Each structure stands twice: as structure tokens, then as C-alpha cells.
Amino acid sequence: MPVTLPLNDMTVSEKLQLMETLWEDLSRNADALESPEWHRDVLEERERRIASGEARFSDWEEAKADIRKRVS
């Protein structure tokens, strides 16, 4: 069933509320959702990097500051 939304007419706040509503609905039936195969591959690669010591972790505040610096 195609759904048409007036995205060009919606505010950012309205779009975020819509996303939250959709996520809440999807979350109610999380067991019915299957992750795609590529997602498993990404998770396995991340686990491998953690086990080998290749992964680098950042404090959340540092990570946010780094992201803001890169996009500004």
C-alpha cells in the first residue's frame, strides 16, 4: 500500500515525530523483524576488530564534538 506524505510541507519537528511514531510501532513487534544479511556481516566484523584490538572507542562527548567539527 503506497503512502504519500507531504514531506515538503512538514516541519523538521513533524518529521521527527512521524519517525518516532513509526519506530514505536515497529518496536512493538521487534521479533517479527529480521535483520538483513549485511547487518550480521557488519556486526561480525566489528566483533573481530574488538577481539583483535583494532577497534578504537571514544567517549560519547568526544565523539559528538568530533562529528560537529567534521560537519561544520
Protein backbone atom coordinates (compact mmCIF):
# COMPACT_ATOMS: atom_id res chain seq x y z
CA MET A 1 0.00 0.00 0.00
CA PRO A 2 1.71 3.21 -1.14
CA VAL A 3 1.70 6.05 1.35
CA THR A 4 2.14 9.63 0.25
CA LEU A 5 3.18 12.20 2.80
CA PRO A 6 3.51 15.95 2.35
CA LEU A 7 7.20 15.86 3.32
CA ASN A 8 7.99 19.17 1.63
CA ASP A 9 5.29 20.84 3.71
CA MET A 10 6.23 19.25 7.03
CA THR A 11 8.45 20.88 9.62
CA VAL A 12 11.50 19.11 11.00
CA SER A 13 9.63 18.65 14.26
CA GLU A 14 6.71 17.00 12.47
CA LYS A 15 9.05 14.70 10.55
CA LEU A 16 10.83 13.67 13.75
CA GLN A 17 7.50 12.97 15.44
CA LEU A 18 6.48 10.83 12.47
CA MET A 19 9.73 8.87 12.70
CA GLU A 20 9.22 8.34 16.43
CA THR A 21 5.68 7.11 15.82
CA LEU A 22 6.85 4.67 13.15
CA TRP A 23 9.72 3.42 15.33
CA GLU A 24 7.41 2.92 18.29
CA ASP A 25 5.04 0.89 16.13
CA LEU A 26 7.84 -1.23 14.64
CA SER A 27 9.34 -1.81 18.09
CA ARG A 28 6.14 -3.38 19.35
CA ASN A 29 6.78 -6.31 17.01
CA ALA A 30 10.56 -6.38 17.03
CA ASP A 31 10.66 -10.18 16.97
CA ALA A 32 8.90 -10.15 13.59
CA LEU A 33 11.69 -8.08 12.03
CA GLU A 34 14.67 -9.87 10.56
CA SER A 35 17.98 -8.10 10.20
CA PRO A 36 19.41 -8.19 6.69
CA GLU A 37 22.39 -10.45 5.99
CA TRP A 38 24.74 -7.48 5.54
CA HIS A 39 23.94 -6.37 9.11
CA ARG A 40 25.19 -9.67 10.52
CA ASP A 41 28.36 -9.30 8.44
CA VAL A 42 28.98 -5.80 9.82
CA LEU A 43 28.46 -6.94 13.40
CA GLU A 44 30.82 -9.90 12.95
CA GLU A 45 33.48 -7.59 11.51
CA ARG A 46 33.10 -5.22 14.46
CA GLU A 47 33.40 -8.09 16.91
CA ARG A 48 36.55 -9.25 15.11
CA ARG A 49 38.05 -5.76 15.34
CA ILE A 50 37.25 -5.57 19.06
CA ALA A 51 38.78 -9.01 19.72
CA SER A 52 41.95 -8.14 17.79
CA GLY A 53 42.35 -4.76 19.48
CA GLU A 54 41.91 -2.85 16.19
CA ALA A 55 38.73 -1.11 17.34
CA ARG A 56 39.08 2.33 18.88
CA PHE A 57 36.44 3.69 21.23
CA SER A 58 35.67 7.31 22.07
CA ASP A 59 33.90 8.94 24.94
CA TRP A 60 30.42 10.00 23.76
CA GLU A 61 31.09 13.70 24.40
CA GLU A 62 34.37 13.48 22.45
CA ALA A 63 32.63 11.67 19.59
CA LYS A 64 29.89 14.33 19.37
CA ALA A 65 32.49 17.11 19.37
CA ASP A 66 34.44 15.34 16.62
CA ILE A 67 31.32 14.90 14.48
CA ARG A 68 30.35 18.54 14.94
CA LYS A 69 33.87 19.62 13.95
CA ARG A 70 33.77 17.49 10.79
CA VAL A 71 30.37 18.74 9.60
CA SER A 72 30.84 22.43 10.32
